[in-house]
Amino acid sequence: LKDASILPIAGLYNYSPFPDVETGESKGTFTMLTRKSNELLTDIHNSGDNKHRMPLMFQKEQILEWLHPNLSDAAMQGMMEYEYPADKLEAWPVKKIRGIKDDDESVITPIELPPQQSALFG
């Protein structure tokens, strides 16, 4: 994000009404919502099973609305159609991470790309 330090990503959660028979724990499930990608991320996230998708992201003023316990299905559907503006996002190439890797700032450190790929990051 160009103008914020927190990236609000929409998600859903649910806790089972039935506790785990061995632990008594109430198990939760969580998911991150995605949507059709905006123009910036369409050029970057363009392969694989989920190509042309991006997280459903909100601007600061939308967060409390999304979290409101009485949010109607219609209002939720409307919010799920929101497209985060491409001009409010920044992008730069980083190294690929697959499997267990370092969990530190090195995974988001910009890297140099071959000239044919660098056009994506203008």
C-alpha atoms as a PDB file:
ATOM      1  CA  LEU A   1       0.000   0.000   0.000  1.00  0.00           C
ATOM      2  CA  LYS A   2       1.254   3.445  -0.806  1.00  0.00           C
ATOM      3  CA  ASP A   3      -0.512   5.332   1.998  1.00  0.00           C
ATOM      4  CA  ALA A   4      -0.965   2.847   4.834  1.00  0.00           C
ATOM      5  CA  SER A   5       0.991   0.441   6.999  1.00  0.00           C
ATOM      6  CA  ILE A   6      -1.801  -2.117   7.407  1.00  0.00           C
ATOM      7  CA  LEU A   7      -3.313  -4.093   4.547  1.00  0.00           C
ATOM      8  CA  PRO A   8      -6.936  -4.908   5.475  1.00  0.00           C
ATOM      9  CA  ILE A   9      -7.818  -8.234   3.808  1.00  0.00           C
ATOM     10  CA  ALA A  10     -11.354  -9.590   4.113  1.00  0.00           C
ATOM     11  CA  GLY A  11     -11.948 -13.021   5.512  1.00  0.00           C
ATOM     12  CA  LEU A  12     -14.583 -15.222   7.068  1.00  0.00           C
ATOM     13  CA  TYR A  13     -14.448 -17.477  10.099  1.00  0.00           C
ATOM     14  CA  ASN A  14     -16.640 -20.028  11.800  1.00  0.00           C
ATOM     15  CA  TYR A  15     -16.368 -22.046  14.982  1.00  0.00           C
ATOM     16  CA  SER A  16     -17.880 -25.498  15.132  1.00  0.00           C
ATOM     17  CA  PRO A  17     -20.776 -25.790  17.593  1.00  0.00           C
ATOM     18  CA  PHE A  18     -19.455 -29.263  18.452  1.00  0.00           C
ATOM     19  CA  PRO A  19     -16.290 -29.425  20.558  1.00  0.00           C
ATOM     20  CA  ASP A  20     -13.470 -31.773  19.591  1.00  0.00           C
ATOM     21  CA  VAL A  21     -14.208 -35.135  21.284  1.00  0.00           C
ATOM     22  CA  GLU A  22     -10.600 -35.585  22.420  1.00  0.00           C
ATOM     23  CA  THR A  23      -9.674 -32.065  23.524  1.00  0.00           C
ATOM     24  CA  GLY A  24     -13.003 -30.326  24.149  1.00  0.00           C
ATOM     25  CA  GLU A  25     -11.674 -27.477  22.028  1.00  0.00           C
ATOM     26  CA  SER A  26     -14.003 -25.517  19.771  1.00  0.00           C
ATOM     27  CA  LYS A  27     -12.325 -25.728  16.344  1.00  0.00           C
ATOM     28  CA  GLY A  28     -12.323 -22.736  14.064  1.00  0.00           C
ATOM     29  CA  THR A  29     -12.076 -22.483  10.308  1.00  0.00           C
ATOM     30  CA  PHE A  30     -10.890 -19.388   8.504  1.00  0.00           C
ATOM     31  CA  THR A  31     -10.622 -18.259   4.906  1.00  0.00           C
ATOM     32  CA  MET A  32      -9.257 -15.254   3.044  1.00  0.00           C
ATOM     33  CA  LEU A  33     -11.602 -13.913   0.369  1.00  0.00           C
ATOM     34  CA  THR A  34     -10.391 -13.201  -3.139  1.00  0.00           C
ATOM     35  CA  ARG A  35     -11.847 -11.394  -6.125  1.00  0.00           C
ATOM     36  CA  LYS A  36     -11.010 -10.693  -9.767  1.00  0.00           C
ATOM     37  CA  SER A  37      -7.695  -8.841  -9.820  1.00  0.00           C
ATOM     38  CA  ASN A  38      -7.346  -5.152 -10.527  1.00  0.00           C
ATOM     39  CA  GLU A  39      -5.209  -3.945 -13.441  1.00  0.00           C
ATOM     40  CA  LEU A  40      -1.952  -3.958 -11.432  1.00  0.00           C
ATOM     41  CA  LEU A  41      -2.296  -7.494 -10.095  1.00  0.00           C
ATOM     42  CA  THR A  42      -3.703  -8.948 -13.338  1.00  0.00           C
ATOM     43  CA  ASP A  43      -0.288  -8.406 -14.939  1.00  0.00           C
ATOM     44  CA  ILE A  44       1.579  -9.887 -11.987  1.00  0.00           C
ATOM     45  CA  HIS A  45      -0.597 -12.768 -10.760  1.00  0.00           C
ATOM     46  CA  ASN A  46      -1.239 -14.287 -14.175  1.00  0.00           C
ATOM     47  CA  SER A  47      -0.612 -18.031 -13.900  1.00  0.00           C
ATOM     48  CA  GLY A  48      -1.614 -21.062 -11.886  1.00  0.00           C
ATOM     49  CA  ASP A  49      -4.959 -22.273 -10.626  1.00  0.00           C
ATOM     50  CA  ASN A  50      -5.931 -18.857  -9.244  1.00  0.00           C
ATOM     51  CA  LYS A  51      -4.622 -16.565 -11.952  1.00  0.00           C
ATOM     52  CA  HIS A  52      -6.088 -13.082 -12.177  1.00  0.00           C
ATOM     53  CA  ARG A  53      -7.228 -13.166  -8.547  1.00  0.00           C
ATOM     54  CA  MET A  54      -6.293 -10.907  -5.647  1.00  0.00           C
ATOM     55  CA  PRO A  55      -7.223 -10.669  -1.985  1.00  0.00           C
ATOM     56  CA  LEU A  56     -10.375  -8.699  -1.250  1.00  0.00           C
ATOM     57  CA  MET A  57      -8.805  -5.630   0.331  1.00  0.00           C
ATOM     58  CA  PHE A  58     -10.540  -2.698   1.977  1.00  0.00           C
ATOM     59  CA  GLN A  59      -9.689   0.890   2.636  1.00  0.00           C
ATOM     60  CA  LYS A  60      -9.501   2.029   6.259  1.00  0.00           C
ATOM     61  CA  GLU A  61     -13.027   3.452   6.358  1.00  0.00           C
ATOM     62  CA  GLN A  62     -14.536   0.117   5.189  1.00  0.00           C
ATOM     63  CA  ILE A  63     -13.046  -2.076   7.921  1.00  0.00           C
ATOM     64  CA  LEU A  64     -15.634  -1.418  10.639  1.00  0.00           C
ATOM     65  CA  GLU A  65     -18.465  -1.872   8.153  1.00  0.00           C
ATOM     66  CA  TRP A  66     -17.090  -5.325   7.179  1.00  0.00           C
ATOM     67  CA  LEU A  67     -16.727  -6.310  10.840  1.00  0.00           C
ATOM     68  CA  HIS A  68     -20.199  -5.118  11.870  1.00  0.00           C
ATOM     69  CA  PRO A  69     -22.093  -8.085  13.357  1.00  0.00           C
ATOM     70  CA  ASN A  70     -25.346  -7.072  11.642  1.00  0.00           C
ATOM     71  CA  LEU A  71     -23.899  -6.715   8.144  1.00  0.00           C
ATOM     72  CA  SER A  72     -26.620  -7.948   5.794  1.00  0.00           C
ATOM     73  CA  ASP A  73     -25.968 -10.486   3.058  1.00  0.00           C
ATOM     74  CA  ALA A  74     -26.751  -7.798   0.454  1.00  0.00           C
ATOM     75  CA  ALA A  75     -24.278  -5.350   2.022  1.00  0.00           C
ATOM     76  CA  MET A  76     -21.653  -8.103   2.245  1.00  0.00           C
ATOM     77  CA  GLN A  77     -22.165  -8.954  -1.437  1.00  0.00           C
ATOM     78  CA  GLY A  78     -21.756  -5.294  -2.347  1.00  0.00           C
ATOM     79  CA  MET A  79     -18.521  -5.060  -0.362  1.00  0.00           C
ATOM     80  CA  MET A  80     -17.216  -8.226  -2.018  1.00  0.00           C
ATOM     81  CA  GLU A  81     -17.468  -6.470  -5.374  1.00  0.00           C
ATOM     82  CA  TYR A  82     -15.184  -3.625  -4.223  1.00  0.00           C
ATOM     83  CA  GLU A  83     -11.994  -3.312  -6.257  1.00  0.00           C
ATOM     84  CA  TYR A  84      -9.054  -1.819  -4.417  1.00  0.00           C
ATOM     85  CA  PRO A  85      -7.643   0.964  -6.631  1.00  0.00           C
ATOM     86  CA  ALA A  86      -4.464  -0.070  -8.452  1.00  0.00           C
ATOM     87  CA  ASP A  87      -2.989   3.414  -8.015  1.00  0.00           C
ATOM     88  CA  LYS A  88      -3.032   2.972  -4.221  1.00  0.00           C
ATOM     89  CA  LEU A  89      -0.869  -0.162  -4.412  1.00  0.00           C
ATOM     90  CA  GLU A  90       2.843  -0.633  -4.957  1.00  0.00           C
ATOM     91  CA  ALA A  91       4.461  -3.694  -6.509  1.00  0.00           C
ATOM     92  CA  TRP A  92       8.017  -4.922  -6.882  1.00  0.00           C
ATOM     93  CA  PRO A  93       9.554  -8.284  -7.755  1.00  0.00           C
ATOM     94  CA  VAL A  94      10.613 -10.614  -4.926  1.00  0.00           C
ATOM     95  CA  LYS A  95      12.187 -14.068  -4.826  1.00  0.00           C
ATOM     96  CA  LYS A  96       9.924 -17.087  -5.134  1.00  0.00           C
ATOM     97  CA  ILE A  97       9.066 -18.850  -1.910  1.00  0.00           C
ATOM     98  CA  ARG A  98       7.815 -22.412  -1.940  1.00  0.00           C
ATOM     99  CA  GLY A  99       7.813 -24.673   1.068  1.00  0.00           C
ATOM    100  CA  ILE A 100       9.603 -23.767   4.293  1.00  0.00           C
ATOM    101  CA  LYS A 101      11.770 -20.686   3.906  1.00  0.00           C
ATOM    102  CA  ASP A 102      13.063 -17.877   6.037  1.00  0.00           C
ATOM    103  CA  ASP A 103      10.229 -16.010   7.726  1.00  0.00           C
ATOM    104  CA  ASP A 104      11.754 -12.581   7.772  1.00  0.00           C
ATOM    105  CA  GLU A 105      11.941  -9.359   5.786  1.00  0.00           C
ATOM    106  CA  SER A 106      14.138 -10.961   3.099  1.00  0.00           C
ATOM    107  CA  VAL A 107      11.021 -12.489   1.484  1.00  0.00           C
ATOM    108  CA  ILE A 108       9.763  -9.013   0.512  1.00  0.00           C
ATOM    109  CA  THR A 109      13.113  -7.471  -0.416  1.00  0.00           C
ATOM    110  CA  PRO A 110      13.063  -6.243  -4.040  1.00  0.00           C
ATOM    111  CA  ILE A 111      15.162  -8.227  -6.523  1.00  0.00           C
ATOM    112  CA  GLU A 112      16.469  -7.431 -10.010  1.00  0.00           C
ATOM    113  CA  LEU A 113      14.568  -8.984 -12.907  1.00  0.00           C
ATOM    114  CA  PRO A 114      15.713  -9.727 -16.454  1.00  0.00           C
ATOM    115  CA  PRO A 115      14.801  -6.803 -18.767  1.00  0.00           C
ATOM    116  CA  GLN A 116      11.895  -8.657 -20.435  1.00  0.00           C
ATOM    117  CA  GLN A 117      10.171  -9.147 -17.061  1.00  0.00           C
ATOM    118  CA  SER A 118      10.939  -5.764 -15.480  1.00  0.00           C
ATOM    119  CA  ALA A 119       8.289  -4.006 -17.616  1.00  0.00           C
ATOM    120  CA  LEU A 120       5.595  -5.459 -15.337  1.00  0.00           C
ATOM    121  CA  PHE A 121       6.902  -3.378 -12.452  1.00  0.00           C
ATOM    122  CA  GLY A 122       7.333  -0.196 -14.500  1.00  0.00           C
END
